[in-house]
């Protein structure tokens, strides 16, 4: 069973900004970040509840890529079999950065 993964418009900006930062540090590293995040999204399409962390009070989940300190923050709409990705943020950033989007 595949889930539909929908990205909020801000997610593209989040990922582009992070990739540019890594690319400025080492050529090719930004591309590797993007590939890792795409791998996370592919995993969400397979099973968004597997290997994720969950906010204690909201229906919000997040998943980390293997190599980079970023998290994909998303909401699972089980009735629609849809995952709405709200943000790609550095893991150290405060929750208020994604809370405005959901």
N, C-alpha and C. Protein backbone atom coordinates (compact mmCIF):
# COMPACT_ATOMS: atom_id res chain seq x y z
N UNK A 1 0.84 -1.17 0.00
CA UNK A 1 0.00 0.00 0.00
C UNK A 1 0.90 1.24 0.00
N UNK A 2 0.74 2.10 -0.99
CA UNK A 2 1.52 3.33 -1.06
C UNK A 2 0.69 4.52 -0.61
N UNK A 3 1.31 5.38 0.13
CA UNK A 3 0.69 6.61 0.60
C UNK A 3 1.06 7.73 -0.36
N UNK A 4 0.19 8.70 -0.46
CA UNK A 4 0.48 9.88 -1.27
C UNK A 4 1.23 10.86 -0.38
N UNK A 5 2.35 11.36 -0.88
CA UNK A 5 3.17 12.32 -0.13
C UNK A 5 3.00 13.69 -0.79
N UNK A 6 2.52 14.66 0.00
CA UNK A 6 2.28 16.02 -0.47
C UNK A 6 3.22 16.95 0.27
N UNK A 7 3.90 17.83 -0.45
CA UNK A 7 4.81 18.79 0.16
C UNK A 7 4.17 20.16 0.23
N UNK A 8 4.21 20.78 1.39
CA UNK A 8 3.78 22.18 1.48
C UNK A 8 4.77 23.02 0.69
N UNK A 9 4.34 24.15 0.17
CA UNK A 9 5.23 24.99 -0.65
C UNK A 9 6.52 25.40 0.06
N UNK A 10 6.48 25.58 1.36
CA UNK A 10 7.66 26.01 2.10
C UNK A 10 8.76 24.96 2.15
N UNK A 11 8.41 23.70 1.95
CA UNK A 11 9.37 22.61 2.06
C UNK A 11 10.46 22.73 0.99
N UNK A 12 10.07 23.11 -0.21
CA UNK A 12 11.05 23.29 -1.28
C UNK A 12 12.07 24.35 -0.89
N UNK A 13 11.60 25.43 -0.30
CA UNK A 13 12.51 26.49 0.17
C UNK A 13 13.43 25.97 1.28
N UNK A 14 12.86 25.24 2.24
CA UNK A 14 13.66 24.67 3.33
C UNK A 14 14.81 23.83 2.79
N UNK A 15 14.46 22.93 1.89
CA UNK A 15 15.45 22.01 1.35
C UNK A 15 16.49 22.74 0.50
N UNK A 16 16.05 23.68 -0.31
CA UNK A 16 16.97 24.44 -1.14
C UNK A 16 17.97 25.23 -0.31
N UNK A 17 17.48 25.85 0.75
CA UNK A 17 18.35 26.64 1.63
C UNK A 17 19.40 25.75 2.30
N UNK A 18 18.96 24.61 2.81
CA UNK A 18 19.89 23.69 3.46
C UNK A 18 20.91 23.14 2.47
N UNK A 19 20.45 22.77 1.28
CA UNK A 19 21.35 22.22 0.27
C UNK A 19 22.39 23.25 -0.17
N UNK A 20 21.96 24.50 -0.33
CA UNK A 20 22.92 25.56 -0.70
C UNK A 20 23.97 25.74 0.38
N UNK A 21 23.56 25.68 1.64
CA UNK A 21 24.52 25.84 2.74
C UNK A 21 25.55 24.72 2.69
N UNK A 22 25.10 23.47 2.56
CA UNK A 22 26.04 22.34 2.51
C UNK A 22 26.92 22.41 1.26
N UNK A 23 26.35 22.82 0.15
CA UNK A 23 27.10 22.91 -1.10
C UNK A 23 28.21 23.96 -0.97
N UNK A 24 27.95 25.04 -0.22
CA UNK A 24 28.97 26.07 -0.04
C UNK A 24 30.12 25.58 0.83
N UNK A 25 29.87 24.57 1.66
CA UNK A 25 30.91 24.02 2.51
C UNK A 25 31.77 22.98 1.78
N UNK A 26 31.09 22.17 0.95
CA UNK A 26 31.81 21.13 0.21
C UNK A 26 30.99 20.78 -1.03
N UNK A 27 31.58 20.97 -2.21
CA UNK A 27 30.85 20.66 -3.45
C UNK A 27 30.35 19.21 -3.45
N UNK A 28 29.09 19.05 -3.79
CA UNK A 28 28.46 17.74 -3.85
C UNK A 28 27.69 17.36 -2.60
N UNK A 29 27.98 18.03 -1.48
CA UNK A 29 27.33 17.69 -0.22
C UNK A 29 25.86 18.10 -0.21
N UNK A 30 25.55 19.21 -0.86
CA UNK A 30 24.16 19.64 -0.96
C UNK A 30 23.32 18.64 -1.74
N UNK A 31 23.90 18.10 -2.80
CA UNK A 31 23.20 17.08 -3.59
C UNK A 31 22.96 15.84 -2.75
N UNK A 32 23.94 15.47 -1.93
CA UNK A 32 23.78 14.31 -1.07
C UNK A 32 22.66 14.52 -0.05
N UNK A 33 22.54 15.73 0.48
CA UNK A 33 21.45 16.04 1.40
C UNK A 33 20.11 15.84 0.69
N UNK A 34 19.98 16.39 -0.51
CA UNK A 34 18.72 16.27 -1.26
C UNK A 34 18.39 14.79 -1.49
N UNK A 35 19.39 14.00 -1.86
CA UNK A 35 19.16 12.57 -2.08
C UNK A 35 18.70 11.87 -0.81
N UNK A 36 19.27 12.23 0.32
CA UNK A 36 18.86 11.64 1.60
C UNK A 36 17.41 12.00 1.93
N UNK A 37 17.04 13.26 1.68
CA UNK A 37 15.66 13.69 1.98
C UNK A 37 14.69 12.99 1.04
N UNK A 38 15.05 12.84 -0.21
CA UNK A 38 14.19 12.11 -1.15
C UNK A 38 14.00 10.67 -0.66
N UNK A 39 15.06 10.08 -0.15
CA UNK A 39 14.96 8.72 0.40
C UNK A 39 13.97 8.68 1.58
N UNK A 40 13.99 9.72 2.41
CA UNK A 40 13.03 9.81 3.52
C UNK A 40 11.62 9.88 2.97
N UNK A 41 11.39 10.70 1.93
CA UNK A 41 10.05 10.82 1.34
C UNK A 41 9.59 9.50 0.74
N UNK A 42 10.50 8.77 0.12
CA UNK A 42 10.14 7.46 -0.42
C UNK A 42 9.71 6.52 0.70
N UNK A 43 10.39 6.59 1.83
CA UNK A 43 10.00 5.79 2.99
C UNK A 43 8.64 6.18 3.53
N UNK A 44 8.32 7.46 3.47
CA UNK A 44 7.00 7.90 3.91
C UNK A 44 5.91 7.33 3.02
N UNK A 45 6.17 7.23 1.74
CA UNK A 45 5.19 6.69 0.81
C UNK A 45 4.93 5.21 1.09
N UNK A 46 5.94 4.51 1.58
CA UNK A 46 5.78 3.09 1.89
C UNK A 46 5.05 2.89 3.22
N UNK A 47 5.50 3.58 4.26
CA UNK A 47 4.87 3.47 5.56
C UNK A 47 5.27 4.67 6.42
N UNK A 48 4.41 5.66 6.54
CA UNK A 48 4.79 6.88 7.27
C UNK A 48 4.90 6.70 8.78
N UNK A 49 4.40 5.60 9.31
CA UNK A 49 4.45 5.39 10.75
C UNK A 49 5.62 4.54 11.20
N UNK A 50 6.35 3.98 10.25
CA UNK A 50 7.49 3.13 10.57
C UNK A 50 8.74 3.98 10.78
N UNK A 51 9.39 3.79 11.90
CA UNK A 51 10.65 4.47 12.17
C UNK A 51 10.54 5.97 12.35
N UNK A 52 9.42 6.42 12.88
CA UNK A 52 9.26 7.86 13.05
C UNK A 52 9.13 8.18 14.53
N UNK A 53 9.27 9.45 14.84
CA UNK A 53 9.01 9.94 16.19
C UNK A 53 7.71 10.71 16.11
N UNK A 54 7.00 10.78 17.19
CA UNK A 54 5.69 11.42 17.19
C UNK A 54 5.63 12.49 18.27
N UNK A 55 5.00 13.60 17.90
CA UNK A 55 4.76 14.66 18.87
C UNK A 55 3.80 14.11 19.94
N UNK A 56 4.03 14.40 21.21
CA UNK A 56 3.22 13.78 22.26
C UNK A 56 1.74 14.18 22.25
N UNK A 57 1.39 15.33 21.72
CA UNK A 57 -0.01 15.76 21.78
C UNK A 57 -0.65 16.03 20.42
N UNK A 58 0.13 16.17 19.38
CA UNK A 58 -0.42 16.49 18.05
C UNK A 58 -0.20 15.31 17.12
N UNK A 59 -0.94 15.27 16.04
CA UNK A 59 -0.79 14.20 15.05
C UNK A 59 0.33 14.56 14.09
N UNK A 60 1.48 14.87 14.65
CA UNK A 60 2.64 15.27 13.87
C UNK A 60 3.75 14.26 14.12
N UNK A 61 4.43 13.90 13.05
CA UNK A 61 5.52 12.93 13.13
C UNK A 61 6.76 13.56 12.50
N UNK A 62 7.91 12.96 12.76
CA UNK A 62 9.11 13.38 12.06
C UNK A 62 10.02 12.19 11.86
N UNK A 63 10.82 12.32 10.82
CA UNK A 63 11.77 11.27 10.48
C UNK A 63 13.08 11.93 10.09
N UNK A 64 14.17 11.29 10.47
CA UNK A 64 15.51 11.82 10.21
C UNK A 64 16.17 11.08 9.06
N UNK A 65 16.91 11.80 8.21
CA UNK A 65 17.73 11.10 7.22
C UNK A 65 18.91 10.44 7.94
N UNK A 66 19.60 9.56 7.23
CA UNK A 66 20.69 8.80 7.87
C UNK A 66 21.90 9.66 8.22
N UNK A 67 22.30 10.58 7.34
CA UNK A 67 23.58 11.26 7.52
C UNK A 67 23.52 12.70 8.00
N UNK A 68 22.40 13.35 7.86
CA UNK A 68 22.35 14.79 8.12
C UNK A 68 21.46 15.10 9.31
N UNK A 69 21.79 16.16 10.06
CA UNK A 69 21.02 16.50 11.25
C UNK A 69 19.76 17.32 10.92
N UNK A 70 18.94 16.78 10.06
CA UNK A 70 17.69 17.42 9.67
C UNK A 70 16.54 16.48 9.95
N UNK A 71 15.36 17.04 10.09
CA UNK A 71 14.18 16.20 10.27
C UNK A 71 13.08 16.65 9.33
N UNK A 72 12.40 15.67 8.80
CA UNK A 72 11.22 15.94 8.00
C UNK A 72 10.01 15.87 8.91
N UNK A 73 9.27 16.97 9.01
CA UNK A 73 8.11 17.06 9.89
C UNK A 73 6.87 16.90 9.03
N UNK A 74 5.99 15.98 9.42
CA UNK A 74 4.83 15.70 8.58
C UNK A 74 3.63 15.27 9.40
N UNK A 75 2.47 15.38 8.76
CA UNK A 75 1.21 14.96 9.35
C UNK A 75 0.68 13.78 8.55
N UNK A 76 0.16 12.79 9.23
CA UNK A 76 -0.40 11.60 8.58
C UNK A 76 -1.92 11.72 8.60
N UNK A 77 -2.51 11.73 7.42
CA UNK A 77 -3.97 11.75 7.28
C UNK A 77 -4.39 10.34 6.88
N UNK A 78 -4.66 9.51 7.88
CA UNK A 78 -4.88 8.08 7.64
C UNK A 78 -6.10 7.81 6.78
N UNK A 79 -7.18 8.54 6.97
CA UNK A 79 -8.38 8.32 6.19
C UNK A 79 -8.18 8.55 4.70
N UNK A 80 -7.27 9.45 4.36
CA UNK A 80 -6.99 9.79 2.97
C UNK A 80 -5.73 9.09 2.46
N UNK A 81 -5.05 8.37 3.33
CA UNK A 81 -3.76 7.75 3.02
C UNK A 81 -2.80 8.77 2.40
N UNK A 82 -2.70 9.89 3.08
CA UNK A 82 -1.87 11.00 2.62
C UNK A 82 -0.94 11.44 3.73
N UNK A 83 0.27 11.79 3.32
CA UNK A 83 1.26 12.36 4.23
C UNK A 83 1.52 13.78 3.75
N UNK A 84 1.36 14.75 4.64
CA UNK A 84 1.62 16.15 4.30
C UNK A 84 2.91 16.57 4.98
N UNK A 85 3.95 16.78 4.19
CA UNK A 85 5.24 17.21 4.73
C UNK A 85 5.16 18.72 4.95
N UNK A 86 5.34 19.13 6.21
CA UNK A 86 5.21 20.54 6.57
C UNK A 86 6.53 21.28 6.57
N UNK A 87 7.63 20.56 6.83
CA UNK A 87 8.92 21.26 6.95
C UNK A 87 10.08 20.27 6.87
N UNK A 88 11.19 20.79 6.42
CA UNK A 88 12.49 20.12 6.52
C UNK A 88 13.35 21.11 7.31
N UNK A 89 13.67 20.75 8.55
CA UNK A 89 14.36 21.68 9.44
C UNK A 89 15.57 21.01 10.08
N UNK A 90 16.55 21.84 10.42
CA UNK A 90 17.68 21.35 11.18
C UNK A 90 17.14 20.79 12.50
N UNK A 91 17.68 19.68 12.92
CA UNK A 91 17.17 18.99 14.11
C UNK A 91 17.26 19.82 15.37
N UNK A 92 18.17 20.79 15.42
CA UNK A 92 18.33 21.61 16.62
C UNK A 92 17.36 22.79 16.67
N UNK A 93 16.65 23.05 15.58
CA UNK A 93 15.73 24.19 15.58
C UNK A 93 14.53 23.90 16.46
N UNK A 94 14.02 24.94 17.05
CA UNK A 94 12.90 24.84 17.98
C UNK A 94 11.62 24.45 17.22
N UNK A 95 10.73 23.76 17.91
CA UNK A 95 9.47 23.31 17.30
C UNK A 95 8.60 24.46 16.77
N UNK A 96 8.76 25.64 17.28
CA UNK A 96 7.92 26.75 16.82
C UNK A 96 8.07 27.00 15.32
N UNK A 97 9.20 26.59 14.74
CA UNK A 97 9.43 26.81 13.31
C UNK A 97 8.50 25.96 12.44
N UNK A 98 8.14 24.78 12.88
CA UNK A 98 7.21 23.97 12.10
C UNK A 98 5.79 24.11 12.59
N UNK A 99 5.59 24.51 13.82
CA UNK A 99 4.24 24.61 14.38
C UNK A 99 3.38 25.64 13.66
N UNK A 100 4.00 26.64 13.10
CA UNK A 100 3.24 27.65 12.34
C UNK A 100 2.65 27.09 11.07
N UNK A 101 3.17 25.97 10.61
CA UNK A 101 2.77 25.43 9.31
C UNK A 101 1.69 24.35 9.39
N UNK A 102 1.42 23.86 10.56
CA UNK A 102 0.42 22.78 10.66
C UNK A 102 -0.79 23.24 11.42
